Amino acid sequence: MSKTVARLIAGLGRTISAPLNQVRRTSCRATAAQYLIDKIPVQTPHGELSMYCNSRETAMYPPVYMTHEPDTLEWIDKMPVDTVFWDIGANVGIYTMYAGLARHRTLAFEPASSTYFTLMKNLEINGLLDRVDAYCLAFDNQTRLGKLNMAGNISGSSMHAFERDTHSWDEQINIKIAHPTLGFNIDTFISLYDPPLPTHIKLDVDSTEKEILEGAANLLAKGQVQSIWVEVDGVLERERNQGIINALDAMGYIAIHTDGRTRNLEFLPKRT
């Protein structure tokens, strides 16, 4: 039904603007499309925010903002005031914005260009650019130019993978776009650019979590990172999930929330 209505609206706009010359017609249609993009308000414990909804995927987020991953929101709520939060795989910024509203210094990383555009719009319209920096890049276990393999470059979509052709469920990606992407080893990124170092990391990239962690060995060896929040899919016994757990165990972090009822694991330094 919604697709039919959308086609009718688009058809009406094309008909009304048809008499204009080519430049004005194209400009009119582009401007009308911008006017039709909704900014949906969401109430949070830290205040109201607006979500820029420029695709079917992004329109799905506002109604479930507080209920989709309540454990992730609770984790952010428990962060101390001096937190530096890295959101790796930020998508359109659901948790980036929540941390920003809570006044945490935040760095967000999202490699998909259309989704990154929406992430930046969300930060802009919510006045969060004074405490949140967002970068369009991928993390990996090495620094290289590569391809982000995607089934489609629609804002807010997921299940992409940098330099591999399977996602987190070990299923083949129906690759329609191989998006040229700059990939960084986290340790190299830090040595090159000296960013604020994280005390808390959220890692949710639907594919290469283990490789990203391998590229952060020097950072994690310092013991400054107080908590790592990783999304896992399926049972913990899956080879992929055990690879993440074992990699972090070797770096001095132990998993909690391992009762199998949650899609997220928190890793804490073993000394705690």
Protein backbone atom coordinates (compact mmCIF):
# COMPACT_ATOMS: atom_id res chain seq x y z
CA MET A 1 0.00 0.00 0.00
CA SER A 2 2.73 2.49 0.99
CA LYS A 3 4.63 1.88 -2.26
CA THR A 4 1.47 2.54 -4.27
CA VAL A 5 0.82 5.81 -2.44
CA ALA A 6 4.46 6.82 -2.92
CA ARG A 7 4.20 6.21 -6.66
CA LEU A 8 1.00 8.30 -6.82
CA ILE A 9 2.69 11.20 -4.98
CA ALA A 10 5.71 10.99 -7.29
CA GLY A 11 3.49 10.86 -10.36
CA LEU A 12 1.50 13.89 -9.24
CA GLY A 13 4.70 15.84 -8.65
CA ARG A 14 6.02 14.95 -12.08
CA THR A 15 2.75 15.97 -13.74
CA ILE A 16 2.55 19.33 -11.95
CA SER A 17 6.17 20.19 -12.71
CA ALA A 18 6.13 18.97 -16.33
CA PRO A 19 5.46 22.43 -17.91
CA LEU A 20 8.65 23.91 -16.39
CA ASN A 21 11.89 24.06 -18.34
CA GLN A 22 14.35 21.26 -17.69
CA VAL A 23 16.50 23.02 -15.10
CA ARG A 24 13.56 24.40 -13.10
CA ARG A 25 11.64 21.13 -13.42
CA THR A 26 14.53 19.10 -12.05
CA SER A 27 15.19 21.64 -9.29
CA CYS A 28 11.50 21.71 -8.35
CA ARG A 29 11.29 17.93 -8.08
CA ALA A 30 14.49 17.71 -6.03
CA THR A 31 13.25 20.43 -3.66
CA ALA A 32 9.85 18.74 -3.30
CA ALA A 33 11.57 15.47 -2.43
CA GLN A 34 13.45 17.23 0.37
CA TYR A 35 10.23 18.75 1.72
CA LEU A 36 8.70 15.27 1.90
CA ILE A 37 11.43 13.88 4.18
CA ASP A 38 10.08 13.52 7.71
CA LYS A 39 11.99 14.30 10.89
CA ILE A 40 10.31 12.11 13.50
CA PRO A 41 10.55 13.12 17.19
CA VAL A 42 11.68 10.49 19.71
CA GLN A 43 11.45 10.88 23.48
CA THR A 44 14.42 9.65 25.52
CA PRO A 45 15.40 9.99 29.20
CA HIS A 46 18.00 12.54 28.08
CA GLY A 47 15.60 14.70 26.09
CA GLU A 48 13.88 14.72 22.73
CA LEU A 49 15.68 14.03 19.48
CA SER A 50 14.57 14.01 15.85
CA MET A 51 15.34 11.25 13.35
CA TYR A 52 15.87 12.10 9.69
CA CYS A 53 13.86 9.50 7.76
CA ASN A 54 14.87 9.48 4.10
CA SER A 55 14.24 5.80 3.32
CA ARG A 56 11.93 2.92 4.25
CA GLU A 57 14.70 1.53 6.45
CA THR A 58 15.24 4.74 8.41
CA ALA A 59 11.48 5.10 8.91
CA MET A 60 11.50 1.83 10.88
CA TYR A 61 13.77 3.15 13.65
CA PRO A 62 11.78 5.88 15.49
CA PRO A 63 8.87 3.65 16.64
CA VAL A 64 11.25 1.12 18.23
CA TYR A 65 13.99 3.51 19.37
CA MET A 66 13.63 2.75 23.09
CA THR A 67 12.64 -0.92 22.75
CA HIS A 68 14.82 -2.39 20.00
CA GLU A 69 17.92 -2.90 22.19
CA PRO A 70 17.06 -1.65 25.69
CA ASP A 71 20.18 -3.35 27.08
CA THR A 72 22.37 -1.15 24.86
CA LEU A 73 20.61 1.99 26.09
CA GLU A 74 21.04 0.82 29.70
CA TRP A 75 24.75 0.25 29.04
CA ILE A 76 25.11 3.82 27.77
CA ASP A 77 23.13 5.13 30.76
CA LYS A 78 25.70 3.56 33.10
CA MET A 79 28.70 5.24 31.47
CA PRO A 80 30.60 7.67 33.73
CA VAL A 81 30.71 11.37 32.91
CA ASP A 82 34.29 11.25 31.55
CA THR A 83 33.45 8.55 28.98
CA VAL A 84 34.85 8.62 25.46
CA PHE A 85 32.52 6.43 23.40
CA TRP A 86 33.44 4.87 20.04
CA ASP A 87 30.42 3.64 18.07
CA ILE A 88 31.83 1.31 15.41
CA GLY A 89 29.14 0.45 12.89
CA ALA A 90 27.01 3.44 13.88
CA ASN A 91 24.48 3.13 11.05
CA VAL A 92 22.23 6.24 11.18
CA GLY A 93 23.31 7.00 14.74
CA ILE A 94 20.69 5.55 17.07
CA TYR A 95 23.20 4.95 19.86
CA THR A 96 25.55 7.71 18.76
CA MET A 97 22.77 10.25 19.29
CA TYR A 98 21.71 8.70 22.60
CA ALA A 99 25.27 8.97 23.92
CA GLY A 100 25.51 12.51 22.58
CA LEU A 101 22.30 13.52 24.34
CA ALA A 102 23.82 12.06 27.52
CA ARG A 103 26.72 14.50 26.87
CA HIS A 104 29.37 11.83 26.28
CA ARG A 105 32.29 12.59 23.96
CA THR A 106 31.52 10.32 21.02
CA LEU A 107 33.22 9.17 17.82
CA ALA A 108 31.03 7.34 15.30
CA PHE A 109 32.25 5.25 12.38
CA GLU A 110 30.04 4.23 9.44
CA PRO A 111 31.42 3.13 6.05
CA ALA A 112 28.24 3.08 3.92
CA SER A 113 27.99 6.47 2.20
CA SER A 114 24.20 6.86 2.07
CA THR A 115 23.85 5.81 5.71
CA TYR A 116 26.71 8.11 6.71
CA PHE A 117 24.85 11.02 5.08
CA THR A 118 21.82 10.30 7.28
CA LEU A 119 24.04 9.92 10.34
CA MET A 120 25.46 13.39 9.72
CA LYS A 121 21.98 14.87 9.15
CA ASN A 122 20.84 13.38 12.46
CA LEU A 123 23.79 14.91 14.29
CA GLU A 124 23.19 18.26 12.57
CA ILE A 125 19.45 18.59 13.24
CA ASN A 126 19.90 17.52 16.86
CA GLY A 127 22.71 19.97 17.57
CA LEU A 128 25.20 17.25 18.54
CA LEU A 129 28.20 18.19 16.40
CA ASP A 130 29.86 19.91 19.36
CA ARG A 131 30.38 16.57 21.11
CA VAL A 132 30.08 13.93 18.36
CA ASP A 133 32.46 13.38 15.44
CA ALA A 134 31.47 10.94 12.69
CA TYR A 135 33.76 9.41 10.06
CA CYS A 136 32.95 7.52 6.86
CA LEU A 137 35.42 4.64 7.03
CA ALA A 138 35.69 0.95 7.86
CA PHE A 139 37.84 -0.70 10.49
CA ASP A 140 39.68 -3.94 9.77
CA ASN A 141 42.73 -5.92 10.91
CA GLN A 142 44.86 -4.03 8.39
CA THR A 143 44.94 -0.61 6.76
CA ARG A 144 44.05 -0.83 3.09
CA LEU A 145 41.84 0.32 0.27
CA GLY A 146 39.04 -2.19 -0.14
CA LYS A 147 35.42 -2.79 -1.00
CA LEU A 148 32.36 -2.68 1.23
CA ASN A 149 30.18 -5.42 -0.23
CA MET A 150 26.52 -4.44 -0.11
CA ALA A 151 23.19 -5.84 -1.26
CA GLY A 152 22.12 -2.21 -1.76
CA ASN A 153 23.24 1.29 -0.80
CA ILE A 154 19.99 2.35 0.87
CA SER A 155 20.26 4.62 3.89
CA GLY A 156 19.82 2.66 7.11
CA SER A 157 20.39 -0.77 5.57
CA SER A 158 22.71 -3.32 7.15
CA MET A 159 24.43 -6.68 6.66
CA HIS A 160 27.34 -5.27 4.65
CA ALA A 161 30.90 -6.60 4.86
CA PHE A 162 34.31 -5.04 4.25
CA GLU A 163 36.50 -7.23 2.03
CA ARG A 164 34.42 -10.37 2.48
CA ASP A 165 31.27 -11.74 0.85
CA THR A 166 29.42 -13.17 3.87
CA HIS A 167 27.66 -11.41 6.74
CA SER A 168 27.33 -12.25 10.44
CA TRP A 169 24.99 -15.20 9.82
CA ASP A 170 27.63 -16.74 7.53
CA GLU A 171 25.30 -16.28 4.57
CA GLN A 172 26.37 -15.05 1.16
CA ILE A 173 25.72 -11.36 0.50
CA ASN A 174 23.82 -10.74 -2.73
CA ILE A 175 26.39 -8.17 -3.78
CA LYS A 176 24.90 -5.42 -5.93
CA ILE A 177 27.40 -2.73 -4.97
CA ALA A 178 31.09 -3.12 -4.12
CA HIS A 179 31.56 0.27 -2.48
CA PRO A 180 35.20 1.54 -2.59
CA THR A 181 36.09 2.12 1.05
CA LEU A 182 39.09 3.15 3.11
CA GLY A 183 39.77 0.55 5.78
CA PHE A 184 41.88 1.17 8.88
CA ASN A 185 43.51 -0.98 11.48
CA ILE A 186 42.41 0.79 14.71
CA ASP A 187 45.95 0.92 16.10
CA THR A 188 47.19 2.54 12.88
CA PHE A 189 44.28 4.98 12.87
CA ILE A 190 45.22 6.04 16.40
CA SER A 191 48.92 6.42 15.61
CA LEU A 192 48.17 8.52 12.51
CA TYR A 193 45.45 10.82 13.80
CA ASP A 194 45.68 10.85 17.61
CA PRO A 195 41.90 10.77 18.22
CA PRO A 196 40.37 10.80 21.71
CA LEU A 197 40.97 7.26 22.96
CA PRO A 198 37.88 5.26 23.85
CA THR A 199 36.90 4.16 27.31
CA HIS A 200 33.83 2.40 25.89
CA ILE A 201 33.43 0.72 22.50
CA LYS A 202 30.28 -0.53 20.78
CA LEU A 203 31.03 -2.91 17.92
CA ASP A 204 28.23 -3.88 15.54
CA VAL A 205 29.26 -4.28 11.90
CA ASP A 206 27.38 -7.49 10.98
CA SER A 207 30.48 -9.22 9.65
CA THR A 208 34.08 -8.50 10.66
CA GLU A 209 33.98 -7.91 14.40
CA LYS A 210 36.83 -10.35 15.08
CA GLU A 211 39.09 -8.74 12.46
CA ILE A 212 38.40 -5.27 13.86
CA LEU A 213 39.34 -6.42 17.36
CA GLU A 214 42.56 -7.97 16.04
CA GLY A 215 43.45 -4.56 14.64
CA ALA A 216 43.02 -2.96 18.07
CA ALA A 217 45.49 -5.16 19.98
CA ASN A 218 47.74 -2.28 21.08
CA LEU A 219 44.81 -0.14 22.20
CA LEU A 220 43.27 -2.94 24.23
CA ALA A 221 46.61 -3.90 25.78
CA LYS A 222 46.77 -0.47 27.45
CA GLY A 223 43.77 -1.32 29.64
CA GLN A 224 42.13 2.08 29.13
CA VAL A 225 39.04 0.58 27.50
CA GLN A 226 36.67 -0.11 30.37
CA SER A 227 33.90 -1.88 28.45
CA ILE A 228 33.38 -3.37 24.98
CA TRP A 229 29.82 -4.01 23.77
CA VAL A 230 29.61 -6.48 20.87
CA GLU A 231 26.55 -7.68 19.00
CA VAL A 232 26.53 -11.42 18.34
CA ASP A 233 24.04 -13.35 16.23
CA GLY A 234 22.72 -16.79 17.10
CA VAL A 235 23.90 -19.08 19.88
CA LEU A 236 27.17 -18.31 21.61
CA GLU A 237 28.59 -21.67 20.53
CA ARG A 238 28.70 -20.58 16.88
CA GLU A 239 32.26 -20.52 15.53
CA ARG A 240 31.99 -16.82 14.69
CA ASN A 241 30.88 -15.88 18.21
CA GLN A 242 33.49 -18.07 19.86
CA GLY A 243 36.11 -16.41 17.68
CA ILE A 244 35.12 -13.00 19.08
CA ILE A 245 35.08 -14.30 22.67
CA ASN A 246 38.46 -16.03 22.31
CA ALA A 247 40.09 -13.04 20.61
CA LEU A 248 39.07 -10.72 23.43
CA ASP A 249 39.98 -13.29 26.06
CA ALA A 250 43.52 -13.36 24.63
CA MET A 251 43.60 -9.56 24.92
CA GLY A 252 42.57 -9.60 28.57
CA TYR A 253 38.80 -9.15 28.38
CA ILE A 254 36.15 -11.50 29.71
CA ALA A 255 32.55 -11.79 28.48
CA ILE A 256 29.53 -11.27 30.68
CA HIS A 257 25.86 -11.58 29.68
CA THR A 258 26.60 -15.06 28.39
CA ASP A 259 23.28 -16.69 29.31
CA GLY A 260 22.22 -16.77 25.64
CA ARG A 261 19.17 -14.53 26.09
CA THR A 262 20.68 -11.39 24.57
CA ARG A 263 22.20 -10.52 21.20
CA ASN A 264 24.85 -8.37 22.89
CA LEU A 265 27.84 -9.29 25.01
CA GLU A 266 29.71 -6.95 27.31
CA PHE A 267 33.44 -7.53 27.76
CA LEU A 268 35.26 -6.19 30.80
CA PRO A 269 38.97 -6.19 31.67
CA LYS A 270 39.78 -9.38 33.58
CA ARG A 271 41.21 -7.41 36.47
CA THR A 272 37.68 -6.25 37.37
